[in-house]
């Protein structure tokens, strides 16, 4: 048995399968998920597990390069929003809910439903890579004076 971190096998498999630039949507309990997308339901009851609990666990296993939230999130659920933003190491980009969900319906790698029963509390995580800093440093060493790759 694993000692720590995520124990839920399908969630662990989903994170391991994600690649750089993939979008993983951590969804509230009511979000409609397109039928053709990978879907994992973690919700047990309303509020279990919370968005913050799932994000905290996922953050331990996944390199998060960027994040997106609905602009409505902070107005409709300021407490949940504060909890989520406090857990992220990146400033989330805000987009109108309809635009964000249309974009995710087209391009999300997977959806993970939480038990969070609060409106607009979904978070889109953009997967990163753990070796990017080392790769950029090596590039700079190999190409002194070249334009910065980022």
C-alpha atoms as a PDB file:
ATOM      1  CA  UNK A   1       0.000   0.000   0.000  1.00  0.00           C
ATOM      2  CA  UNK A   2       1.150   3.542  -0.732  1.00  0.00           C
ATOM      3  CA  UNK A   3       2.419   5.395   2.334  1.00  0.00           C
ATOM      4  CA  UNK A   4       1.119   8.858   1.526  1.00  0.00           C
ATOM      5  CA  UNK A   5      -0.367  11.090  -1.121  1.00  0.00           C
ATOM      6  CA  UNK A   6      -3.310  10.108  -3.257  1.00  0.00           C
ATOM      7  CA  UNK A   7      -4.620   6.638  -2.505  1.00  0.00           C
ATOM      8  CA  UNK A   8      -7.528   6.667  -4.986  1.00  0.00           C
ATOM      9  CA  UNK A   9      -6.100   4.529  -7.833  1.00  0.00           C
ATOM     10  CA  UNK A  10      -8.026   6.049 -10.744  1.00  0.00           C
ATOM     11  CA  UNK A  11      -7.050   9.587  -9.705  1.00  0.00           C
ATOM     12  CA  UNK A  12      -3.425   8.567  -9.399  1.00  0.00           C
ATOM     13  CA  UNK A  13      -3.557   6.900 -12.830  1.00  0.00           C
ATOM     14  CA  UNK A  14      -5.178   9.980 -14.377  1.00  0.00           C
ATOM     15  CA  UNK A  15      -2.439  12.266 -12.999  1.00  0.00           C
ATOM     16  CA  UNK A  16       0.306   9.905 -14.187  1.00  0.00           C
ATOM     17  CA  UNK A  17      -1.196   9.801 -17.693  1.00  0.00           C
ATOM     18  CA  UNK A  18      -1.433  13.593 -18.062  1.00  0.00           C
ATOM     19  CA  UNK A  19       1.179  15.352 -20.145  1.00  0.00           C
ATOM     20  CA  UNK A  20       2.630  18.839 -20.330  1.00  0.00           C
ATOM     21  CA  UNK A  21      -0.051  21.344 -21.256  1.00  0.00           C
ATOM     22  CA  UNK A  22      -2.990  19.020 -20.576  1.00  0.00           C
ATOM     23  CA  UNK A  23      -5.992  20.510 -18.783  1.00  0.00           C
ATOM     24  CA  UNK A  24      -7.439  18.688 -15.770  1.00  0.00           C
ATOM     25  CA  UNK A  25     -10.709  20.184 -14.572  1.00  0.00           C
ATOM     26  CA  UNK A  26     -11.430  19.842 -10.859  1.00  0.00           C
ATOM     27  CA  UNK A  27     -15.193  20.231 -10.971  1.00  0.00           C
ATOM     28  CA  UNK A  28     -17.891  21.032  -8.479  1.00  0.00           C
ATOM     29  CA  UNK A  29     -20.535  18.349  -7.971  1.00  0.00           C
ATOM     30  CA  UNK A  30     -22.989  19.871 -10.450  1.00  0.00           C
ATOM     31  CA  UNK A  31     -20.791  20.586 -13.440  1.00  0.00           C
ATOM     32  CA  UNK A  32     -22.015  18.948 -16.639  1.00  0.00           C
ATOM     33  CA  UNK A  33     -19.225  16.908 -18.202  1.00  0.00           C
ATOM     34  CA  UNK A  34     -19.067  16.128 -21.924  1.00  0.00           C
ATOM     35  CA  UNK A  35     -19.736  12.449 -22.604  1.00  0.00           C
ATOM     36  CA  UNK A  36     -16.533  11.990 -24.605  1.00  0.00           C
ATOM     37  CA  UNK A  37     -14.191  13.116 -21.816  1.00  0.00           C
ATOM     38  CA  UNK A  38     -12.389  11.139 -19.123  1.00  0.00           C
ATOM     39  CA  UNK A  39     -14.467  11.490 -15.969  1.00  0.00           C
ATOM     40  CA  UNK A  40     -13.705  10.573 -12.384  1.00  0.00           C
ATOM     41  CA  UNK A  41     -16.309  11.093  -9.665  1.00  0.00           C
ATOM     42  CA  UNK A  42     -14.913  11.510  -6.150  1.00  0.00           C
ATOM     43  CA  UNK A  43     -18.009  13.032  -4.526  1.00  0.00           C
ATOM     44  CA  UNK A  44     -19.439  11.048  -1.626  1.00  0.00           C
ATOM     45  CA  UNK A  45     -21.960  13.546  -0.286  1.00  0.00           C
ATOM     46  CA  UNK A  46     -22.499  17.262  -0.757  1.00  0.00           C
ATOM     47  CA  UNK A  47     -19.315  18.805   0.643  1.00  0.00           C
ATOM     48  CA  UNK A  48     -17.280  15.582   0.784  1.00  0.00           C
ATOM     49  CA  UNK A  49     -14.622  15.930  -0.456  1.00  0.00           C
ATOM     50  CA  UNK A  50     -14.341  19.692  -0.860  1.00  0.00           C
ATOM     51  CA  UNK A  51     -12.650  21.385  -3.789  1.00  0.00           C
ATOM     52  CA  UNK A  52      -9.846  22.519  -1.472  1.00  0.00           C
ATOM     53  CA  UNK A  53      -9.271  18.986  -0.175  1.00  0.00           C
ATOM     54  CA  UNK A  54      -9.049  17.521  -3.677  1.00  0.00           C
ATOM     55  CA  UNK A  55      -6.828  20.360  -4.913  1.00  0.00           C
ATOM     56  CA  UNK A  56      -4.479  19.947  -1.925  1.00  0.00           C
ATOM     57  CA  UNK A  57      -4.110  16.232  -2.674  1.00  0.00           C
ATOM     58  CA  UNK A  58      -3.696  16.692  -6.438  1.00  0.00           C
ATOM     59  CA  UNK A  59      -1.134  19.441  -5.886  1.00  0.00           C
ATOM     60  CA  UNK A  60       1.104  16.948  -4.055  1.00  0.00           C
ATOM     61  CA  UNK A  61       1.240  14.702  -7.136  1.00  0.00           C
ATOM     62  CA  UNK A  62       0.912  17.076 -10.120  1.00  0.00           C
ATOM     63  CA  UNK A  63       3.132  19.857 -11.442  1.00  0.00           C
ATOM     64  CA  UNK A  64       0.720  22.768 -11.944  1.00  0.00           C
ATOM     65  CA  UNK A  65       1.978  25.256 -14.526  1.00  0.00           C
ATOM     66  CA  UNK A  66      -1.108  27.469 -14.618  1.00  0.00           C
ATOM     67  CA  UNK A  67      -4.728  27.531 -13.493  1.00  0.00           C
ATOM     68  CA  UNK A  68      -8.027  28.982 -14.668  1.00  0.00           C
ATOM     69  CA  UNK A  69     -11.265  29.718 -12.845  1.00  0.00           C
ATOM     70  CA  UNK A  70     -14.603  31.254 -13.733  1.00  0.00           C
ATOM     71  CA  UNK A  71     -14.890  34.988 -13.113  1.00  0.00           C
ATOM     72  CA  UNK A  72     -18.114  34.227 -11.212  1.00  0.00           C
ATOM     73  CA  UNK A  73     -16.268  32.006  -8.685  1.00  0.00           C
ATOM     74  CA  UNK A  74     -15.038  34.803  -6.384  1.00  0.00           C
ATOM     75  CA  UNK A  75     -18.439  36.554  -6.310  1.00  0.00           C
ATOM     76  CA  UNK A  76     -20.603  33.484  -5.761  1.00  0.00           C
ATOM     77  CA  UNK A  77     -18.315  31.600  -3.361  1.00  0.00           C
ATOM     78  CA  UNK A  78     -15.706  33.927  -1.846  1.00  0.00           C
ATOM     79  CA  UNK A  79     -14.728  31.510   0.960  1.00  0.00           C
ATOM     80  CA  UNK A  80     -14.188  28.530  -1.347  1.00  0.00           C
ATOM     81  CA  UNK A  81     -12.401  30.818  -3.804  1.00  0.00           C
ATOM     82  CA  UNK A  82     -10.005  32.054  -1.094  1.00  0.00           C
ATOM     83  CA  UNK A  83      -9.245  28.458  -0.036  1.00  0.00           C
ATOM     84  CA  UNK A  84      -8.499  27.436  -3.628  1.00  0.00           C
ATOM     85  CA  UNK A  85      -6.343  30.454  -4.473  1.00  0.00           C
ATOM     86  CA  UNK A  86      -4.376  30.003  -1.237  1.00  0.00           C
ATOM     87  CA  UNK A  87      -3.481  26.451  -2.323  1.00  0.00           C
ATOM     88  CA  UNK A  88      -2.349  27.396  -5.824  1.00  0.00           C
ATOM     89  CA  UNK A  89       1.256  28.445  -6.405  1.00  0.00           C
ATOM     90  CA  UNK A  90       0.145  30.355  -9.510  1.00  0.00           C
ATOM     91  CA  UNK A  91      -2.315  33.215  -9.967  1.00  0.00           C
ATOM     92  CA  UNK A  92      -5.390  31.747 -11.684  1.00  0.00           C
ATOM     93  CA  UNK A  93      -6.573  33.320 -14.915  1.00  0.00           C
ATOM     94  CA  UNK A  94     -10.267  34.249 -14.713  1.00  0.00           C
ATOM     95  CA  UNK A  95     -12.617  33.771 -17.660  1.00  0.00           C
ATOM     96  CA  UNK A  96     -16.429  33.930 -17.866  1.00  0.00           C
ATOM     97  CA  UNK A  97     -17.884  30.534 -16.884  1.00  0.00           C
ATOM     98  CA  UNK A  98     -19.568  29.943 -20.247  1.00  0.00           C
ATOM     99  CA  UNK A  99     -16.345  30.667 -22.154  1.00  0.00           C
ATOM    100  CA  UNK A 100     -14.209  28.571 -19.815  1.00  0.00           C
ATOM    101  CA  UNK A 101     -16.523  25.554 -19.974  1.00  0.00           C
ATOM    102  CA  UNK A 102     -16.839  25.800 -23.776  1.00  0.00           C
ATOM    103  CA  UNK A 103     -13.042  25.795 -24.035  1.00  0.00           C
ATOM    104  CA  UNK A 104     -12.793  22.811 -21.645  1.00  0.00           C
ATOM    105  CA  UNK A 105     -15.488  20.856 -23.521  1.00  0.00           C
ATOM    106  CA  UNK A 106     -13.202  21.148 -26.526  1.00  0.00           C
ATOM    107  CA  UNK A 107      -9.776  20.627 -24.962  1.00  0.00           C
ATOM    108  CA  UNK A 108      -9.840  19.169 -21.431  1.00  0.00           C
ATOM    109  CA  UNK A 109      -7.870  15.982 -20.885  1.00  0.00           C
ATOM    110  CA  UNK A 110     -10.031  14.906 -17.941  1.00  0.00           C
ATOM    111  CA  UNK A 111     -12.596  15.996 -15.365  1.00  0.00           C
ATOM    112  CA  UNK A 112     -12.452  15.137 -11.661  1.00  0.00           C
ATOM    113  CA  UNK A 113     -15.721  15.752  -9.842  1.00  0.00           C
ATOM    114  CA  UNK A 114     -15.493  16.711  -6.189  1.00  0.00           C
ATOM    115  CA  UNK A 115     -18.278  16.775  -3.639  1.00  0.00           C
ATOM    116  CA  UNK A 116     -18.231  20.570  -3.597  1.00  0.00           C
ATOM    117  CA  UNK A 117     -21.797  21.816  -3.874  1.00  0.00           C
ATOM    118  CA  UNK A 118     -21.073  25.478  -4.529  1.00  0.00           C
ATOM    119  CA  UNK A 119     -21.723  27.231  -7.829  1.00  0.00           C
ATOM    120  CA  UNK A 120     -18.891  28.102 -10.203  1.00  0.00           C
ATOM    121  CA  UNK A 121     -16.246  26.464  -8.012  1.00  0.00           C
ATOM    122  CA  UNK A 122     -14.468  24.490 -10.723  1.00  0.00           C
ATOM    123  CA  UNK A 123     -10.715  24.916 -11.245  1.00  0.00           C
ATOM    124  CA  UNK A 124      -8.824  24.112 -14.431  1.00  0.00           C
ATOM    125  CA  UNK A 125      -5.261  22.954 -13.832  1.00  0.00           C
ATOM    126  CA  UNK A 126      -2.683  23.179 -16.620  1.00  0.00           C
ATOM    127  CA  UNK A 127      -0.163  20.369 -16.245  1.00  0.00           C
ATOM    128  CA  UNK A 128       3.494  21.284 -16.166  1.00  0.00           C
ATOM    129  CA  UNK A 129       6.738  19.330 -16.089  1.00  0.00           C
ATOM    130  CA  UNK A 130       9.107  18.895 -13.180  1.00  0.00           C
ATOM    131  CA  UNK A 131      12.280  19.422 -15.211  1.00  0.00           C
ATOM    132  CA  UNK A 132      11.504  22.729 -16.979  1.00  0.00           C
ATOM    133  CA  UNK A 133      13.783  24.876 -14.783  1.00  0.00           C
ATOM    134  CA  UNK A 134      16.701  22.499 -15.378  1.00  0.00           C
ATOM    135  CA  UNK A 135      16.027  22.434 -19.124  1.00  0.00           C
ATOM    136  CA  UNK A 136      15.980  26.233 -19.357  1.00  0.00           C
ATOM    137  CA  UNK A 137      19.198  26.484 -17.348  1.00  0.00           C
ATOM    138  CA  UNK A 138      20.912  23.961 -19.631  1.00  0.00           C
ATOM    139  CA  UNK A 139      19.681  25.822 -22.728  1.00  0.00           C
ATOM    140  CA  UNK A 140      21.138  29.074 -21.383  1.00  0.00           C
ATOM    141  CA  UNK A 141      24.474  27.355 -20.697  1.00  0.00           C
ATOM    142  CA  UNK A 142      24.584  25.820 -24.185  1.00  0.00           C
ATOM    143  CA  UNK A 143      23.470  29.020 -25.939  1.00  0.00           C
ATOM    144  CA  UNK A 144      25.066  31.977 -24.145  1.00  0.00           C
ATOM    145  CA  UNK A 145      23.799  35.274 -25.456  1.00  0.00           C
ATOM    146  CA  UNK A 146      20.853  33.666 -27.283  1.00  0.00           C
ATOM    147  CA  UNK A 147      17.389  35.127 -26.704  1.00  0.00           C
ATOM    148  CA  UNK A 148      15.753  33.751 -23.576  1.00  0.00           C
ATOM    149  CA  UNK A 149      13.429  30.847 -24.506  1.00  0.00           C
ATOM    150  CA  UNK A 150      10.758  32.204 -22.141  1.00  0.00           C
END
